Structures are given as structure tokens and as C-alpha cells.
Amino acid sequence: MSDRVVPTTQQLKHEFSRVTLKAGRRRAFRTMLCIMIVVIAAAITCTAFFFSVLRVQGNSMEPTLQEGDMVLVIKTNNFTSGDTMAFYYNNKILIKRVIGCPGDTVDIDASGSVSVNGAALNEPYVWDRSTANTDIDLPFHVSNGRWFVLGDHRSVSLDSRSSIIGTVSEEQVVGKVVLRFWPLSTWTLFD
């Protein structure tokens, strides 16, 4: 005779339930892991080809953008005057406002007022008008494939008025700032 114990129906049901639950948890974990991998791959692909998220450092774009703001940048080379552009300069990404597009002539008078192709710009976004950091000859003709950019806080901004920065080439462009999403209280969609 065997000393083997035969489990009861209740014990079998309990063991079956435990094994099924354990297998379900494993399946859920594998599914969640696969979803996370797909989401991360999609985020990396989108960031590489479609948009970037940047944190603003410095105050050259005040009052439009403050230090610490987080912005979404759509990758494009299609800009009009007044757009906010992110571009590479010396292994950094700078954010400035597009003033002159390829073929435009930009002039800045002694008071810091800007005109493009002879027409004065209405610049309600400008913190202060200034000719600080200007070492280029004005009026300035913007070459093809380049943009003339200025910061909104003109007295502290180092921008296209300086030969150090100069105009922005197509190769330098990261894209167009379209959204400030952080801090949430200052959420702004840009044109």
C-alpha cells in the first residue's frame, strides 16, 4: 500500500487558481514590458525626427520665455518673422526670435527700433529696445538659407547683431518653438 496522500477537490481548485494567477501575472508583466519598450522606442523616434523638448536657460528671451521654462520644439526650417527659433551654437542650443528671413534687409535705429525691408516692426514681445552687442554694419542683408534672430530682452541678448553669433544657417536649426508647457501655470501655444 502506498503512503501517497490524494488531494481533495478543494485543494486542487485552490492550487489551480494559484497557478493560473501566477501565470496571469507573468503575462501581464511581459505585456507591460513590451508596451514600455514600444513607447520608449516611439518617443526616441519622435524626438530624433519630429520634435525636441528643451529647458530655457538664461534671460535673453524674457518676458516671452523665463529661465526654467520647458518648451516643445517642432523640427522645421519653415520660419516667418516673429517665430521663435531654437538653433545650435557652440554645442549649446539657443532660443531667439526670427526677425529677418532669407533675402530680407534688417535695420536697427539708434533707439533700438527694428525695421525689415523698410517697414517698422510692431514688437509687443520686446522687453527693452537696445543696440547693445551690435558690431555688424546696418542695414544688414540676410543671405539665402540664413535667418537674422534677436532675443526679446535686447539689452542682455547675444544674437545676430553680434558677429560672434551672426545669422543662423539651415544646418544650425533645431526647429520652431510651438509650446511652453512648464510651468503649467504659464502654458502657452505659440503661432
N, C-alpha and C. Protein backbone atom coordinates (compact mmCIF):
# COMPACT_ATOMS: atom_id res chain seq x y z
N MET A 1 0.83 -1.16 0.00
CA MET A 1 0.00 0.00 0.00
C MET A 1 0.89 1.24 0.00
N SER A 2 0.46 2.25 -0.69
CA SER A 2 1.23 3.48 -0.86
C SER A 2 0.85 4.49 0.21
N ASP A 3 1.87 5.28 0.63
CA ASP A 3 1.63 6.35 1.62
C ASP A 3 1.25 7.66 0.91
N ARG A 4 0.84 7.57 -0.24
CA ARG A 4 0.51 8.74 -1.04
C ARG A 4 -0.79 9.35 -0.58
N VAL A 5 -0.75 10.74 -0.43
CA VAL A 5 -1.96 11.46 0.00
C VAL A 5 -2.62 12.03 -1.25
N VAL A 6 -3.87 11.77 -1.37
CA VAL A 6 -4.64 12.27 -2.51
C VAL A 6 -5.27 13.60 -2.09
N PRO A 7 -5.00 14.68 -2.89
CA PRO A 7 -5.58 15.98 -2.52
C PRO A 7 -7.08 16.00 -2.72
N THR A 8 -7.70 16.84 -1.95
CA THR A 8 -9.16 16.99 -2.05
C THR A 8 -9.48 17.87 -3.26
N THR A 9 -10.71 17.89 -3.64
CA THR A 9 -11.17 18.72 -4.75
C THR A 9 -10.94 20.20 -4.43
N GLN A 10 -11.19 20.57 -3.19
CA GLN A 10 -10.99 21.97 -2.76
C GLN A 10 -9.52 22.35 -2.88
N GLN A 11 -8.60 21.47 -2.47
CA GLN A 11 -7.18 21.74 -2.57
C GLN A 11 -6.75 21.85 -4.03
N LEU A 12 -7.29 21.01 -4.89
CA LEU A 12 -6.97 21.06 -6.31
C LEU A 12 -7.45 22.37 -6.93
N LYS A 13 -8.65 22.79 -6.57
CA LYS A 13 -9.18 24.06 -7.08
C LYS A 13 -8.32 25.24 -6.61
N HIS A 14 -7.90 25.20 -5.37
CA HIS A 14 -7.06 26.26 -4.82
C HIS A 14 -5.71 26.31 -5.54
N GLU A 15 -5.09 25.16 -5.74
CA GLU A 15 -3.79 25.09 -6.41
C GLU A 15 -3.91 25.53 -7.86
N PHE A 16 -4.98 25.11 -8.54
CA PHE A 16 -5.22 25.52 -9.92
C PHE A 16 -5.38 27.05 -10.01
N SER A 17 -6.09 27.61 -9.09
CA SER A 17 -6.31 29.06 -9.03
C SER A 17 -4.99 29.80 -8.82
N ARG A 18 -4.16 29.29 -7.90
CA ARG A 18 -2.87 29.91 -7.62
C ARG A 18 -1.96 29.87 -8.84
N VAL A 19 -1.87 28.74 -9.52
CA VAL A 19 -1.02 28.60 -10.70
C VAL A 19 -1.52 29.50 -11.83
N THR A 20 -2.83 29.56 -12.02
CA THR A 20 -3.41 30.41 -13.07
C THR A 20 -3.14 31.89 -12.79
N LEU A 21 -3.26 32.30 -11.54
CA LEU A 21 -3.00 33.68 -11.16
C LEU A 21 -1.53 34.03 -11.39
N LYS A 22 -0.64 33.11 -11.03
CA LYS A 22 0.79 33.32 -11.21
C LYS A 22 1.12 33.47 -12.71
N ALA A 23 0.54 32.63 -13.54
CA ALA A 23 0.77 32.70 -14.99
C ALA A 23 0.21 34.00 -15.55
N GLY A 24 -0.94 34.45 -15.03
CA GLY A 24 -1.54 35.71 -15.47
C GLY A 24 -0.67 36.90 -15.13
N ARG A 25 -0.07 36.87 -13.96
CA ARG A 25 0.83 37.96 -13.56
C ARG A 25 2.05 38.02 -14.47
N ARG A 26 2.58 36.85 -14.83
CA ARG A 26 3.73 36.81 -15.73
C ARG A 26 3.36 37.38 -17.10
N ARG A 27 2.19 36.98 -17.61
CA ARG A 27 1.73 37.50 -18.91
C ARG A 27 1.54 39.02 -18.84
N ALA A 28 0.94 39.50 -17.77
CA ALA A 28 0.72 40.95 -17.61
C ALA A 28 2.05 41.69 -17.55
N PHE A 29 3.03 41.13 -16.84
CA PHE A 29 4.34 41.75 -16.74
C PHE A 29 5.00 41.80 -18.11
N ARG A 30 4.96 40.69 -18.87
CA ARG A 30 5.55 40.66 -20.20
C ARG A 30 4.85 41.66 -21.13
N THR A 31 3.55 41.74 -21.05
CA THR A 31 2.80 42.69 -21.88
C THR A 31 3.17 44.11 -21.53
N MET A 32 3.23 44.41 -20.23
CA MET A 32 3.59 45.75 -19.79
C MET A 32 5.01 46.10 -20.25
N LEU A 33 5.94 45.18 -20.15
CA LEU A 33 7.32 45.39 -20.58
C LEU A 33 7.37 45.66 -22.08
N CYS A 34 6.64 44.90 -22.87
CA CYS A 34 6.60 45.11 -24.32
C CYS A 34 6.02 46.49 -24.66
N ILE A 35 4.96 46.88 -23.97
CA ILE A 35 4.35 48.20 -24.21
C ILE A 35 5.34 49.30 -23.86
N MET A 36 6.05 49.16 -22.75
CA MET A 36 7.04 50.17 -22.35
C MET A 36 8.15 50.28 -23.39
N ILE A 37 8.61 49.18 -23.92
CA ILE A 37 9.66 49.20 -24.93
C ILE A 37 9.17 49.91 -26.20
N VAL A 38 7.94 49.62 -26.61
CA VAL A 38 7.37 50.27 -27.80
C VAL A 38 7.22 51.77 -27.56
N VAL A 39 6.73 52.17 -26.38
CA VAL A 39 6.55 53.60 -26.07
C VAL A 39 7.90 54.31 -26.04
N ILE A 40 8.90 53.72 -25.44
CA ILE A 40 10.24 54.33 -25.39
C ILE A 40 10.82 54.45 -26.79
N ALA A 41 10.68 53.41 -27.60
CA ALA A 41 11.18 53.46 -28.98
C ALA A 41 10.45 54.54 -29.78
N ALA A 42 9.14 54.67 -29.59
CA ALA A 42 8.37 55.70 -30.28
C ALA A 42 8.80 57.10 -29.83
N ALA A 43 9.04 57.26 -28.53
CA ALA A 43 9.48 58.56 -28.01
C ALA A 43 10.84 58.94 -28.56
N ILE A 44 11.75 57.99 -28.63
CA ILE A 44 13.09 58.25 -29.17
C ILE A 44 12.99 58.60 -30.65
N THR A 45 12.18 57.88 -31.39
CA THR A 45 11.99 58.15 -32.82
C THR A 45 11.40 59.53 -33.03
N CYS A 46 10.36 59.87 -32.27
CA CYS A 46 9.72 61.19 -32.39
C CYS A 46 10.70 62.29 -32.04
N THR A 47 11.47 62.10 -30.99
CA THR A 47 12.45 63.11 -30.58
C THR A 47 13.54 63.27 -31.64
N ALA A 48 13.95 62.19 -32.23
CA ALA A 48 15.01 62.25 -33.23
C ALA A 48 14.55 62.90 -34.54
N PHE A 49 13.28 62.68 -34.91
CA PHE A 49 12.84 63.13 -36.22
C PHE A 49 11.78 64.23 -36.23
N PHE A 50 11.02 64.40 -35.16
CA PHE A 50 9.88 65.30 -35.22
C PHE A 50 9.91 66.47 -34.24
N PHE A 51 10.35 66.25 -33.01
CA PHE A 51 10.33 67.33 -32.03
C PHE A 51 11.40 67.14 -30.97
N SER A 52 11.65 68.23 -30.22
CA SER A 52 12.57 68.19 -29.09
C SER A 52 11.90 68.89 -27.92
N VAL A 53 12.32 68.53 -26.73
CA VAL A 53 11.88 69.21 -25.51
C VAL A 53 13.11 69.90 -24.94
N LEU A 54 13.00 71.21 -24.70
CA LEU A 54 14.13 71.99 -24.21
C LEU A 54 13.77 72.74 -22.94
N ARG A 55 14.77 72.95 -22.11
CA ARG A 55 14.62 73.77 -20.89
C ARG A 55 15.34 75.10 -21.15
N VAL A 56 14.63 76.20 -20.92
CA VAL A 56 15.19 77.53 -21.16
C VAL A 56 16.21 77.86 -20.07
N GLN A 57 17.38 78.31 -20.51
CA GLN A 57 18.42 78.78 -19.59
C GLN A 57 18.79 80.19 -19.99
N GLY A 58 18.84 81.07 -19.03
CA GLY A 58 19.17 82.46 -19.31
C GLY A 58 17.92 83.31 -19.43
N ASN A 59 18.16 84.61 -19.62
CA ASN A 59 17.03 85.54 -19.65
C ASN A 59 16.95 86.36 -20.93
N SER A 60 17.58 85.92 -22.01
CA SER A 60 17.60 86.70 -23.24
C SER A 60 16.26 86.71 -23.97
N MET A 61 15.32 85.83 -23.59
CA MET A 61 14.01 85.81 -24.24
C MET A 61 12.90 86.30 -23.32
N GLU A 62 13.25 86.92 -22.18
CA GLU A 62 12.22 87.49 -21.32
C GLU A 62 11.55 88.64 -22.03
N PRO A 63 10.29 88.87 -21.88
CA PRO A 63 9.35 88.21 -20.99
C PRO A 63 8.67 86.98 -21.60
N THR A 64 8.93 86.70 -22.89
CA THR A 64 8.26 85.58 -23.57
C THR A 64 8.57 84.25 -22.90
N LEU A 65 9.84 83.99 -22.65
CA LEU A 65 10.29 82.76 -22.00
C LEU A 65 11.16 83.10 -20.80
N GLN A 66 10.91 82.43 -19.69
CA GLN A 66 11.66 82.66 -18.46
C GLN A 66 12.63 81.49 -18.24
N GLU A 67 13.67 81.75 -17.48
CA GLU A 67 14.60 80.68 -17.14
C GLU A 67 13.85 79.56 -16.43
N GLY A 68 14.10 78.32 -16.85
CA GLY A 68 13.45 77.16 -16.26
C GLY A 68 12.21 76.70 -17.01
N ASP A 69 11.67 77.52 -17.93
CA ASP A 69 10.52 77.10 -18.72
C ASP A 69 10.90 75.89 -19.56
N MET A 70 9.93 75.02 -19.80
CA MET A 70 10.12 73.87 -20.68
C MET A 70 9.30 74.12 -21.92
N VAL A 71 9.93 73.91 -23.10
CA VAL A 71 9.26 74.18 -24.37
C VAL A 71 9.34 72.98 -25.30
N LEU A 72 8.35 72.91 -26.18
CA LEU A 72 8.32 71.88 -27.22
C LEU A 72 8.73 72.54 -28.53
N VAL A 73 9.70 71.94 -29.21
CA VAL A 73 10.23 72.47 -30.46
C VAL A 73 9.92 71.47 -31.57
N ILE A 74 9.21 71.93 -32.60
CA ILE A 74 8.92 71.10 -33.76
C ILE A 74 10.04 71.30 -34.77
N LYS A 75 10.57 70.20 -35.29
CA LYS A 75 11.67 70.28 -36.24
C LYS A 75 11.14 70.75 -37.60
N THR A 76 11.62 71.93 -38.02
CA THR A 76 11.23 72.53 -39.29
C THR A 76 12.27 73.56 -39.69
N ASN A 77 12.29 73.91 -40.96
CA ASN A 77 13.10 75.01 -41.47
C ASN A 77 12.20 76.07 -42.09
N ASN A 78 10.91 76.03 -41.77
CA ASN A 78 9.94 76.96 -42.32
C ASN A 78 9.61 78.01 -41.27
N PHE A 79 10.21 79.20 -41.41
CA PHE A 79 10.04 80.27 -40.43
C PHE A 79 9.53 81.54 -41.09
N THR A 80 8.77 82.32 -40.32
CA THR A 80 8.40 83.66 -40.74
C THR A 80 8.84 84.61 -39.63
N SER A 81 8.89 85.88 -39.97
CA SER A 81 9.30 86.88 -38.99
C SER A 81 8.36 86.83 -37.78
N GLY A 82 8.94 86.79 -36.59
CA GLY A 82 8.17 86.71 -35.35
C GLY A 82 8.16 85.32 -34.73
N ASP A 83 8.50 84.28 -35.49
CA ASP A 83 8.58 82.93 -34.94
C ASP A 83 9.74 82.84 -33.96
N THR A 84 9.64 81.91 -33.02
CA THR A 84 10.71 81.68 -32.07
C THR A 84 11.47 80.43 -32.50
N MET A 85 12.78 80.57 -32.70
CA MET A 85 13.62 79.52 -33.26
C MET A 85 14.61 78.99 -32.22
N ALA A 86 14.81 77.69 -32.23
CA ALA A 86 15.88 77.06 -31.45
C ALA A 86 16.96 76.64 -32.44
N PHE A 87 18.22 76.92 -32.10
CA PHE A 87 19.32 76.58 -33.01
C PHE A 87 20.58 76.27 -32.22
N TYR A 88 21.47 75.52 -32.87
CA TYR A 88 22.75 75.16 -32.26
C TYR A 88 23.74 76.30 -32.42
N TYR A 89 24.49 76.55 -31.34
CA TYR A 89 25.61 77.48 -31.40
C TYR A 89 26.64 77.01 -30.36
N ASN A 90 27.84 76.67 -30.81
CA ASN A 90 28.92 76.23 -29.91
C ASN A 90 28.49 75.14 -28.94
N ASN A 91 27.92 74.08 -29.44
CA ASN A 91 27.48 72.94 -28.63
C ASN A 91 26.41 73.29 -27.61
N LYS A 92 25.70 74.37 -27.83
CA LYS A 92 24.56 74.76 -26.99
C LYS A 92 23.38 74.96 -27.92
N ILE A 93 22.20 74.96 -27.34
CA ILE A 93 21.01 75.31 -28.11
C ILE A 93 20.52 76.65 -27.59
N LEU A 94 20.42 77.62 -28.49
CA LEU A 94 19.93 78.95 -28.15
C LEU A 94 18.50 79.10 -28.68
N ILE A 95 17.73 79.94 -28.02
CA ILE A 95 16.37 80.26 -28.47
C ILE A 95 16.30 81.76 -28.69
N LYS A 96 15.90 82.17 -29.89
CA LYS A 96 15.78 83.58 -30.25
C LYS A 96 14.57 83.75 -31.17
N ARG A 97 14.21 85.00 -31.39
CA ARG A 97 13.08 85.31 -32.27
C ARG A 97 13.59 85.62 -33.68
N VAL A 98 12.93 85.04 -34.70
CA VAL A 98 13.28 85.31 -36.09
C VAL A 98 12.79 86.71 -36.44
N ILE A 99 13.71 87.54 -36.90
CA ILE A 99 13.39 88.91 -37.31
C ILE A 99 13.46 89.03 -38.82
N GLY A 100 14.55 88.53 -39.40
CA GLY A 100 14.73 88.60 -40.85
C GLY A 100 14.89 87.22 -41.45
N CYS A 101 14.16 86.98 -42.54
CA CYS A 101 14.25 85.71 -43.26
C CYS A 101 15.19 85.87 -44.45
N PRO A 102 15.54 84.78 -45.13
CA PRO A 102 16.45 84.88 -46.26
C PRO A 102 15.99 85.94 -47.28
N GLY A 103 16.92 86.82 -47.66
CA GLY A 103 16.63 87.87 -48.63
C GLY A 103 16.16 89.18 -48.01
N ASP A 104 15.81 89.21 -46.73
CA ASP A 104 15.35 90.43 -46.06
C ASP A 104 16.51 91.35 -45.75
N THR A 105 16.18 92.64 -45.56
CA THR A 105 17.15 93.63 -45.10
C THR A 105 16.67 94.13 -43.75
N VAL A 106 17.51 93.96 -42.73
CA VAL A 106 17.17 94.34 -41.36
C VAL A 106 17.93 95.60 -40.99
N ASP A 107 17.22 96.55 -40.35
CA ASP A 107 17.87 97.76 -39.86
C ASP A 107 17.41 98.01 -38.43
N ILE A 108 18.31 98.54 -37.61
CA ILE A 108 18.01 98.87 -36.22
C ILE A 108 18.48 100.31 -36.01
N ASP A 109 17.54 101.17 -35.59
CA ASP A 109 17.92 102.58 -35.40
C ASP A 109 18.57 102.78 -34.03
N ALA A 110 18.98 104.00 -33.75
CA ALA A 110 19.72 104.32 -32.52
C ALA A 110 18.91 104.03 -31.26
N SER A 111 17.57 104.06 -31.36
CA SER A 111 16.73 103.78 -30.19
C SER A 111 16.48 102.28 -30.01
N GLY A 112 16.92 101.46 -30.97
CA GLY A 112 16.72 100.01 -30.89
C GLY A 112 15.49 99.52 -31.62
N SER A 113 14.77 100.42 -32.30
CA SER A 113 13.60 100.00 -33.08
C SER A 113 14.07 99.28 -34.35
N VAL A 114 13.39 98.21 -34.70
CA VAL A 114 13.79 97.35 -35.80
C VAL A 114 12.85 97.53 -36.99
N SER A 115 13.44 97.57 -38.18
CA SER A 115 12.63 97.56 -39.40
C SER A 115 13.17 96.48 -40.32
N VAL A 116 12.26 95.88 -41.07
CA VAL A 116 12.63 94.84 -42.03
C VAL A 116 12.10 95.27 -43.39
N ASN A 117 12.99 95.32 -44.36
CA ASN A 117 12.65 95.76 -45.72
C ASN A 117 11.98 97.13 -45.71
N GLY A 118 12.43 98.01 -44.81
CA GLY A 118 11.94 99.37 -44.73
C GLY A 118 10.69 99.57 -43.89
N ALA A 119 10.07 98.48 -43.42
CA ALA A 119 8.84 98.59 -42.61
C ALA A 119 9.18 98.34 -41.14
N ALA A 120 8.76 99.29 -40.28
CA ALA A 120 9.00 99.14 -38.84
C ALA A 120 8.22 97.95 -38.30
N LEU A 121 8.87 97.17 -37.45
CA LEU A 121 8.21 96.01 -36.84
C LEU A 121 7.43 96.44 -35.60
N ASN A 122 6.25 95.88 -35.45
CA ASN A 122 5.49 96.02 -34.21
C ASN A 122 5.94 94.85 -33.33
N GLU A 123 6.63 95.14 -32.24
CA GLU A 123 7.21 94.09 -31.41
C GLU A 123 6.69 94.19 -29.97
N PRO A 124 5.46 93.77 -29.72
CA PRO A 124 4.92 93.86 -28.36
C PRO A 124 5.62 92.91 -27.39
N TYR A 125 6.36 91.93 -27.89
CA TYR A 125 7.05 90.94 -27.07
C TYR A 125 8.39 91.43 -26.54
N VAL A 126 8.89 92.57 -27.01
CA VAL A 126 10.22 93.03 -26.63
C VAL A 126 10.22 93.61 -25.22
N TRP A 127 11.17 93.15 -24.41
CA TRP A 127 11.33 93.62 -23.03
C TRP A 127 11.89 95.03 -23.01
N ASP A 128 12.95 95.23 -23.77
CA ASP A 128 13.57 96.55 -23.87
C ASP A 128 14.23 96.67 -25.24
N ARG A 129 14.21 97.86 -25.77
CA ARG A 129 14.87 98.10 -27.06
C ARG A 129 16.29 98.55 -26.77
N SER A 130 17.23 97.99 -27.50
CA SER A 130 18.62 98.29 -27.22
C SER A 130 19.46 98.01 -28.46
N THR A 131 20.56 98.69 -28.56
CA THR A 131 21.54 98.40 -29.62
C THR A 131 22.79 97.74 -29.02
N ALA A 132 22.67 97.30 -27.77
CA ALA A 132 23.80 96.63 -27.11
C ALA A 132 24.26 95.42 -27.92
N ASN A 133 25.53 95.14 -27.85
CA ASN A 133 26.14 93.97 -28.51
C ASN A 133 26.06 94.03 -30.03
N THR A 134 25.89 95.22 -30.61
CA THR A 134 25.82 95.34 -32.07
C THR A 134 27.19 95.71 -32.61
N ASP A 135 27.76 94.80 -33.43
CA ASP A 135 29.03 95.10 -34.07
C ASP A 135 28.99 94.80 -35.57
N ILE A 136 27.77 94.69 -36.12
CA ILE A 136 27.62 94.46 -37.56
C ILE A 136 27.25 95.77 -38.24
N ASP A 137 27.45 95.84 -39.54
CA ASP A 137 27.07 97.02 -40.30
C ASP A 137 25.58 96.93 -40.62
N LEU A 138 24.86 98.02 -40.32
CA LEU A 138 23.43 98.10 -40.58
C LEU A 138 23.18 99.11 -41.68
N PRO A 139 22.20 98.96 -42.51
CA PRO A 139 21.27 97.83 -42.58
C PRO A 139 22.01 96.56 -43.02
N PHE A 140 21.44 95.43 -42.61
CA PHE A 140 22.06 94.13 -42.83
C PHE A 140 21.20 93.31 -43.78
N HIS A 141 21.81 92.79 -44.85
CA HIS A 141 21.09 91.94 -45.79
C HIS A 141 21.27 90.48 -45.38
N VAL A 142 20.16 89.76 -45.21
CA VAL A 142 20.19 88.36 -44.78
C VAL A 142 20.40 87.47 -46.01
N SER A 143 21.44 86.66 -45.97
CA SER A 143 21.78 85.77 -47.09
C SER A 143 20.74 84.65 -47.22
N ASN A 144 20.73 84.04 -48.41
CA ASN A 144 19.85 82.88 -48.64
C ASN A 144 20.24 81.74 -47.70
N GLY A 145 19.24 81.03 -47.20
CA GLY A 145 19.48 79.89 -46.31
C GLY A 145 19.88 80.29 -44.90
N ARG A 146 19.64 81.57 -44.52
CA ARG A 146 20.01 82.06 -43.19
C ARG A 146 18.88 82.90 -42.62
N TRP A 147 18.88 83.06 -41.28
CA TRP A 147 17.88 83.87 -40.59
C TRP A 147 18.57 84.83 -39.64
N PHE A 148 18.03 86.03 -39.51
CA PHE A 148 18.51 87.05 -38.57
C PHE A 148 17.62 86.93 -37.35
N VAL A 149 18.23 86.67 -36.17
CA VAL A 149 17.47 86.44 -34.93
C VAL A 149 17.88 87.43 -33.84
N LEU A 150 16.90 87.78 -33.00
CA LEU A 150 17.15 88.65 -31.85
C LEU A 150 16.45 88.07 -30.63
N GLY A 151 17.03 88.31 -29.46
CA GLY A 151 16.35 87.96 -28.22
C GLY A 151 15.32 89.03 -27.89
N ASP A 152 14.33 88.69 -27.07
CA ASP A 152 13.30 89.67 -26.69
C ASP A 152 13.80 90.64 -25.62
N HIS A 153 14.78 90.22 -24.84
CA HIS A 153 15.40 91.10 -23.83
C HIS A 153 16.68 91.62 -24.45
N ARG A 154 16.54 92.62 -25.30
CA ARG A 154 17.60 93.05 -26.20
C ARG A 154 18.87 93.54 -25.52
N SER A 155 18.77 94.12 -24.33
CA SER A 155 19.97 94.66 -23.69
C SER A 155 20.91 93.56 -23.18
N VAL A 156 20.41 92.33 -22.98
CA VAL A 156 21.28 91.25 -22.49
C VAL A 156 21.48 90.13 -23.52
N SER A 157 20.76 90.19 -24.63
CA SER A 157 20.81 89.11 -25.61
C SER A 157 22.02 89.21 -26.52
N LEU A 158 22.70 88.11 -26.71
CA LEU A 158 23.76 87.98 -27.70
C LEU A 158 23.12 87.26 -28.88
N ASP A 159 23.00 87.93 -30.01
CA ASP A 159 22.21 87.41 -31.13
C ASP A 159 22.81 87.83 -32.46
N SER A 160 22.03 87.93 -33.51
CA SER A 160 22.55 88.24 -34.85
C SER A 160 23.12 89.64 -34.98
N ARG A 161 22.90 90.50 -33.99
CA ARG A 161 23.51 91.83 -34.02
C ARG A 161 25.02 91.72 -33.79
N SER A 162 25.45 90.60 -33.27
CA SER A 162 26.86 90.37 -32.97
C SER A 162 27.47 89.42 -34.00
N SER A 163 28.66 89.76 -34.47
CA SER A 163 29.35 88.88 -35.41
C SER A 163 29.75 87.56 -34.75
N ILE A 164 29.73 87.51 -33.43
CA ILE A 164 30.03 86.26 -32.72
C ILE A 164 28.97 85.21 -33.04
N ILE A 165 27.71 85.59 -32.98
CA ILE A 165 26.61 84.67 -33.28
C ILE A 165 26.31 84.70 -34.78
N GLY A 166 26.12 85.89 -35.33
CA GLY A 166 25.80 86.03 -36.75
C GLY A 166 24.40 85.51 -37.06
N THR A 167 24.16 85.34 -38.34
CA THR A 167 22.87 84.80 -38.76
C THR A 167 22.89 83.28 -38.60
N VAL A 168 21.72 82.70 -38.55
CA VAL A 168 21.58 81.26 -38.31
C VAL A 168 21.42 80.54 -39.65
N SER A 169 22.25 79.52 -39.86
CA SER A 169 22.18 78.75 -41.11
C SER A 169 21.20 77.58 -40.94
N GLU A 170 20.80 77.02 -42.07
CA GLU A 170 19.88 75.88 -42.05
C GLU A 170 20.44 74.72 -41.24
N GLU A 171 21.75 74.52 -41.30
CA GLU A 171 22.38 73.40 -40.59
C GLU A 171 22.31 73.57 -39.07
N GLN A 172 22.20 74.80 -38.60
CA GLN A 172 22.16 75.07 -37.17
C GLN A 172 20.76 74.90 -36.56
N VAL A 173 19.74 74.94 -37.39
CA VAL A 173 18.35 74.99 -36.92
C VAL A 173 17.95 73.69 -36.23
N VAL A 174 17.39 73.82 -35.02
CA VAL A 174 16.77 72.70 -34.33
C VAL A 174 15.29 72.68 -34.69
N GLY A 175 14.65 73.85 -34.65
CA GLY A 175 13.24 73.92 -35.02
C GLY A 175 12.55 75.14 -34.45
N LYS A 176 11.22 75.11 -34.53
CA LYS A 176 10.37 76.21 -34.12
C LYS A 176 9.74 75.90 -32.76
N VAL A 177 9.84 76.85 -31.83
CA VAL A 177 9.21 76.70 -30.51
C VAL A 177 7.71 76.88 -30.70
N VAL A 178 6.92 75.86 -30.35
CA VAL A 178 5.47 75.92 -30.57
C VAL A 178 4.67 75.89 -29.28
N LEU A 179 5.29 75.45 -28.17
CA LEU A 179 4.53 75.31 -26.94
C LEU A 179 5.44 75.46 -25.72
N ARG A 180 4.99 76.27 -24.76
CA ARG A 180 5.62 76.29 -23.43
C ARG A 180 4.66 75.49 -22.56
N PHE A 181 5.15 74.38 -22.00
CA PHE A 181 4.26 73.52 -21.22
C PHE A 181 4.62 73.45 -19.73
N TRP A 182 5.74 74.06 -19.35
CA TRP A 182 6.11 74.05 -17.93
C TRP A 182 6.75 75.38 -17.58
N PRO A 183 6.36 75.98 -16.50
CA PRO A 183 5.38 75.52 -15.52
C PRO A 183 3.96 75.58 -16.09
N LEU A 184 3.11 74.70 -15.57
CA LEU A 184 1.75 74.57 -16.09
C LEU A 184 0.98 75.88 -16.04
N SER A 185 1.27 76.72 -15.06
CA SER A 185 0.54 77.98 -14.91
C SER A 185 0.82 78.95 -16.06
N THR A 186 1.91 78.72 -16.81
CA THR A 186 2.25 79.62 -17.92
C THR A 186 2.14 78.90 -19.27
N TRP A 187 1.35 77.84 -19.32
CA TRP A 187 1.17 77.06 -20.55
C TRP A 187 0.78 78.00 -21.68
N THR A 188 1.56 77.97 -22.79
CA THR A 188 1.31 78.88 -23.90
C THR A 188 1.54 78.16 -25.22
N LEU A 189 0.62 78.32 -26.14
CA LEU A 189 0.77 77.81 -27.51
C LEU A 189 1.21 78.98 -28.38
N PHE A 190 2.36 78.84 -29.07
CA PHE A 190 2.88 79.90 -29.92
C PHE A 190 2.41 79.68 -31.34
N ASP A 191 2.23 80.76 -32.10
CA ASP A 191 1.82 80.67 -33.51
C ASP A 191 2.91 80.09 -34.35
